Amino acid sequence: MGAFAGAVDVGAHAIETDVHLSKDGVVVLSHDATLKRCYGRPDKIIDCSWDYLSSLRTLKEPRSPMPRLQDLLEYLASPGLEDIWLMLDIKLDNNADDIMRLIASTIRAVPPSPMRAWSKRIVLGCWATKFLPLCDEYIPGFPVSHIGFSTAYARQFFNVPNVSFNMLLPILMGPCGPSFIKKCKRQGREVLAWTVNDEKKMRWCVKRELDGVITDDPKKFLEVCEKYDEDSARREWLPFVFILDIIRVNIFAFLYALLLRWRYGSEVDQRYMKKIRPRIEE
């Protein structure tokens, strides 16, 4: 929780966090599906009870406990934080039905700030289209953002109204990125980039007028925004090593898109599209 509060203290407008389930159905916040890197244990989170998880402390100082989604929502409901919004990165290794149902029950259990409903502050980050019907079933009315590696896979989300995009930065910097960004802007869809920690890449995002970035250093990004000079940015070139990284990541993304299409399908579920068609026509 300290990292979230620290981000807010330096001026972050939003918090992005990954969600996983404990063995007994508690929604916890962890980037990794296992405990190895942060807590030094070999177990998977899904195999551990909340009673056990709550007893752990991180390997690094300040030796923090694992937070729950409930803890973060209670913090965000505090007076003065009404403008801070939250993106939930719902990983594919979760059981889709279970995680969406339990996210919904957790949100219902925490009273929102009287100034702003949770539906105006929480964005559901989905990697695959199979989560869309579950968002509509369990958490209707909440905004959805596609989190992804591939513009080719992401394009099917254009068929669904009000879905924004949170894309890996090298993909937006690659050959298909500019046209994807333009289409998002034409349709009035927000487009964000992750994870952006380098100043040159931050300036690239500002120059392209992206709607936001996911970063581990919000203070640095705010400083880049304050000092941004359009003329200097226009003359700035990306280092060759960045270009090589963009090529490498885009090759990986092509293969990843094929895997996603094979595993989760290449189109939004037609029953779901039929259900939401009246909203599209409005």
Foldseek 3Di string as FASTA:
>chain_A
DVLVVVLVVLPDQEEEFEWDAACVQFIWTDPDQACCPFFNDGGGRNDHDVVVQQVTFGPDPPRHGTGTPLVVQQVCQDPPNVRYAYEYAYDPVHDLLSVLQSVLVSLVVHDHHPVDHNLVGYEYEAAALVNVVSCCVRPNSHAYEYEAADPQLVVQCVLPPRYAYEYALLRLVDPCNVVSLVVCVVRVHAYEYPDDEDLLSLLVCVLSVHPYYHYSCSNSSVVSVVPPDNVVNVPDDDDPVSVVVSVVSNVVRVVVSVVSCVVRNRHRPPVVCVVCVVVVVD
